[in-house]
Amino acid sequence: MAGRTNTPGQSVSRRLLTVLDCFDVAHPALTLTEVAGRSGLPLSTARRLIAELREWGGLERLDDGRYRIGIRLWTIGSLAPQQRGLREAALPHMHDLFQATQENLQLAVLEGTRALCIEKLSSTRAVPTRTEVGGRLPLHATGVGKALLAFSGRGLLREVVDAGLPRMTPHTITQPGRLAAALAEVRRAGVGYSYEEMTLGAVSVAAPVLGVDGRIRAALGIVAHSRAAVDRLAPAVRTAALGIARWVE
């Protein structure tokens, strides 16, 4: 559940944003009833707001009656200068890495206590993933998430732990002490791993993209079948991340 309530006096714009905030990587498409439940809004209010968002292009209706984020929101979001600059810097390196590996690639940035995927390359030969551009991923259960978390301040780790470490699969790290130890290893090695912690059958390795000031800007990750030797992919993803960092302010 999104955990939101129908606050008295809440503005129309706030309620529209509440509806949009119901959608995430785990819930990319929702029914009217689900939107009302996750937002805490009355069904009639949710129906009216969804209609307004559809008319504007912020939501679109699927054939099965569910709703998903519309293209207009992505078009507006793509104008964000930080994300646009990162994508432009990253794409040549991502294409080179993709040609060499033929595996799924993800470029992610921090968004609060989650990782936001801003670019993705994939192959029909690669392992299926649930990640889409614009989707959000947990920091504690993914390679890109661990790379972002390891090179952020300790305050972010406290926020993530305090919010809870949900178990995505039987392999997900849910103990704060184990997560802290894993992040220390990410900082030492310069890469982060996820071994079927987000999706069964998939493993990942990711490297941070650091600015000239040493601050984290993004993370670049490879997602492969669990049978893949991701440690052999680590040097390639780290080299690509370093290449991207040369063009990032």
Foldseek 3Di string as FASTA:
>chain_A
DLPAADDPPDDPVNLLVLLQVLDALVPQKAALVSSCVNSRHPSVSSVVSVVVCVVVQQWDADPVRIIGGGPVVVVVVCPPVLLVLLCVLQVVLVVVLCVVPQFKKFKWFDDQQWTATQDIDHDPPFDDDSDDHRHIHGLQAAFFSLQQVLQDDVVSLVVSVVVFQDAQDPQGDGDSVVSVVQSVVCVVVQKHKHQCRNHPQKIKIKGFQAEPVRHTSIIMMTIGGNVDPCVVVHVSRHVSSPSSRVSHD
